[in-house]
């Protein structure tokens, strides 16, 4: 993919592809905006029949996630692949970030489909900042 929209004009960075149960593929990637803010964006293959998946279409509703209050504009990147919750009712992802000099993973959940809803579990960080659920490992039943 090339940086050609306001939300990724300064870079199309690290991303992760997820194969959904119906065989569709979605890519979550970090875009770098005009204002040098890291945001999370979706794309999907233009042609699933292409074995190399060379061409991608960017979701028209990008960006789907932006940094939370207290997260630096340049500290919201490296999305993981999506995985289903243990009850198979929600998709989850983590986004790498940091607070001060401490690295964290922000955990988001909901459907990672067109129409993605921004949802964050409530929680707090060790220093008292309320930024939502965090973890530094993806742990769940069956290795999810």
Protein backbone atom coordinates (compact mmCIF):
# COMPACT_ATOMS: atom_id res chain seq x y z
CA UNK A 1 0.00 0.00 0.00
CA UNK A 2 1.10 3.53 -0.60
CA UNK A 3 0.58 6.61 1.59
CA UNK A 4 -2.05 8.51 -0.37
CA UNK A 5 -4.75 9.64 2.08
CA UNK A 6 -4.70 12.26 4.87
CA UNK A 7 -4.69 9.48 7.49
CA UNK A 8 -1.56 7.77 6.11
CA UNK A 9 0.17 10.45 4.01
CA UNK A 10 3.30 10.34 6.21
CA UNK A 11 3.51 6.57 6.20
CA UNK A 12 1.77 3.22 5.90
CA UNK A 13 3.37 1.32 8.73
CA UNK A 14 3.22 -2.01 10.49
CA UNK A 15 0.04 -3.99 10.07
CA UNK A 16 -1.47 -7.40 10.66
CA UNK A 17 -3.81 -9.42 8.47
CA UNK A 18 -6.62 -11.52 9.88
CA UNK A 19 -8.54 -14.24 8.07
CA UNK A 20 -12.18 -14.09 9.14
CA UNK A 21 -14.34 -17.22 9.52
CA UNK A 22 -16.00 -16.57 6.14
CA UNK A 23 -12.60 -16.50 4.38
CA UNK A 24 -12.43 -12.73 3.99
CA UNK A 25 -9.16 -11.02 4.92
CA UNK A 26 -8.78 -7.66 6.64
CA UNK A 27 -5.60 -5.75 7.30
CA UNK A 28 -5.24 -3.45 10.28
CA UNK A 29 -2.30 -1.09 9.80
CA UNK A 30 -0.82 2.04 11.32
CA UNK A 31 -1.15 5.21 9.28
CA UNK A 32 0.73 8.44 9.98
CA UNK A 33 -1.44 11.53 9.37
CA UNK A 34 -0.67 14.98 7.98
CA UNK A 35 -0.34 16.09 11.61
CA UNK A 36 2.09 13.22 12.40
CA UNK A 37 -0.46 11.34 14.52
CA UNK A 38 -0.41 7.53 14.43
CA UNK A 39 -3.86 6.08 13.73
CA UNK A 40 -5.21 2.60 12.98
CA UNK A 41 -6.72 1.89 9.58
CA UNK A 42 -8.41 -1.01 7.76
CA UNK A 43 -7.83 -2.35 4.28
CA UNK A 44 -9.01 -5.43 2.42
CA UNK A 45 -7.72 -7.25 -0.67
CA UNK A 46 -8.94 -5.95 -4.02
CA UNK A 47 -8.90 -9.52 -5.34
CA UNK A 48 -9.01 -12.52 -2.99
CA UNK A 49 -8.12 -14.74 -5.97
CA UNK A 50 -4.67 -13.13 -6.22
CA UNK A 51 -2.37 -15.57 -4.39
CA UNK A 52 0.04 -12.72 -3.55
CA UNK A 53 -2.65 -10.23 -2.46
CA UNK A 54 -0.77 -7.40 -4.12
CA UNK A 55 -3.58 -4.85 -4.33
CA UNK A 56 -5.47 -3.55 -1.31
CA UNK A 57 -8.48 -1.25 -0.91
CA UNK A 58 -8.49 1.15 2.01
CA UNK A 59 -11.69 1.33 4.05
CA UNK A 60 -13.55 4.59 3.36
CA UNK A 61 -14.18 5.12 7.10
CA UNK A 62 -10.49 5.23 8.03
CA UNK A 63 -9.08 5.83 10.53
CA UNK A 64 -10.98 3.42 12.77
CA UNK A 65 -8.93 4.07 15.94
CA UNK A 66 -7.08 7.15 17.16
CA UNK A 67 -4.86 7.62 20.22
CA UNK A 68 -6.66 7.85 23.55
CA UNK A 69 -6.24 10.87 25.83
CA UNK A 70 -2.87 10.55 27.55
CA UNK A 71 -1.31 8.55 24.70
CA UNK A 72 1.28 10.40 22.64
CA UNK A 73 0.50 11.04 18.98
CA UNK A 74 3.58 9.02 18.00
CA UNK A 75 2.89 6.17 20.45
CA UNK A 76 -0.06 4.30 18.94
CA UNK A 77 1.14 1.59 16.58
CA UNK A 78 1.89 -2.05 15.77
CA UNK A 79 -1.57 -3.64 15.77
CA UNK A 80 -1.82 -7.37 16.34
CA UNK A 81 -3.88 -9.81 14.34
CA UNK A 82 -7.46 -10.02 15.56
CA UNK A 83 -8.59 -12.99 17.61
CA UNK A 84 -11.95 -14.14 18.86
CA UNK A 85 -12.70 -13.89 22.56
CA UNK A 86 -12.98 -17.20 24.45
CA UNK A 87 -16.77 -17.10 23.96
CA UNK A 88 -16.34 -16.39 20.22
CA UNK A 89 -18.57 -13.34 20.56
CA UNK A 90 -16.08 -10.49 20.11
CA UNK A 91 -12.99 -9.82 18.06
CA UNK A 92 -10.03 -8.41 19.97
CA UNK A 93 -6.84 -6.62 18.98
CA UNK A 94 -4.02 -4.95 20.83
CA UNK A 95 -2.22 -1.76 19.88
CA UNK A 96 1.28 -1.04 21.13
CA UNK A 97 1.77 2.19 23.03
CA UNK A 98 3.48 3.66 26.06
CA UNK A 99 2.85 5.84 29.07
CA UNK A 100 5.89 7.90 29.98
CA UNK A 101 8.65 5.34 29.33
CA UNK A 102 6.61 2.21 30.08
CA UNK A 103 5.49 0.11 27.10
CA UNK A 104 1.86 -1.06 27.17
CA UNK A 105 -0.64 -2.89 24.97
CA UNK A 106 -4.11 -1.40 24.67
CA UNK A 107 -6.76 -4.10 24.21
CA UNK A 108 -9.79 -3.27 22.05
CA UNK A 109 -12.78 -5.47 21.41
CA UNK A 110 -15.74 -5.64 18.98
CA UNK A 111 -16.25 -6.66 15.38
CA UNK A 112 -13.29 -5.82 13.15
CA UNK A 113 -15.45 -5.40 10.07
CA UNK A 114 -16.61 -2.46 8.06
CA UNK A 115 -18.71 -0.62 10.58
CA UNK A 116 -16.16 -1.32 13.36
CA UNK A 117 -17.23 0.23 16.63
CA UNK A 118 -14.66 1.80 18.89
CA UNK A 119 -14.98 0.07 22.22
CA UNK A 120 -12.51 -0.01 25.07
CA UNK A 121 -12.77 -1.89 28.33
CA UNK A 122 -12.51 0.32 31.38
CA UNK A 123 -9.43 0.00 33.52
CA UNK A 124 -6.52 1.99 34.77
CA UNK A 125 -2.79 2.00 34.37
CA UNK A 126 -0.39 1.54 37.27
CA UNK A 127 0.29 5.28 37.54
CA UNK A 128 -3.44 6.02 37.92
CA UNK A 129 -4.11 7.25 34.38
CA UNK A 130 -7.43 5.94 33.14
CA UNK A 131 -6.73 4.79 29.59
CA UNK A 132 -8.65 1.56 29.38
CA UNK A 133 -7.69 -2.09 29.70
CA UNK A 134 -4.03 -2.85 29.15
CA UNK A 135 -1.92 -5.95 29.04
CA UNK A 136 1.54 -6.98 27.96
CA UNK A 137 0.53 -10.44 26.75
CA UNK A 138 -2.34 -11.91 24.80
CA UNK A 139 -3.65 -14.74 26.95
CA UNK A 140 -6.87 -16.70 26.64
CA UNK A 141 -8.40 -20.14 26.43
CA UNK A 142 -6.82 -22.26 23.73
CA UNK A 143 -3.95 -19.82 23.17
CA UNK A 144 -6.19 -17.04 21.93
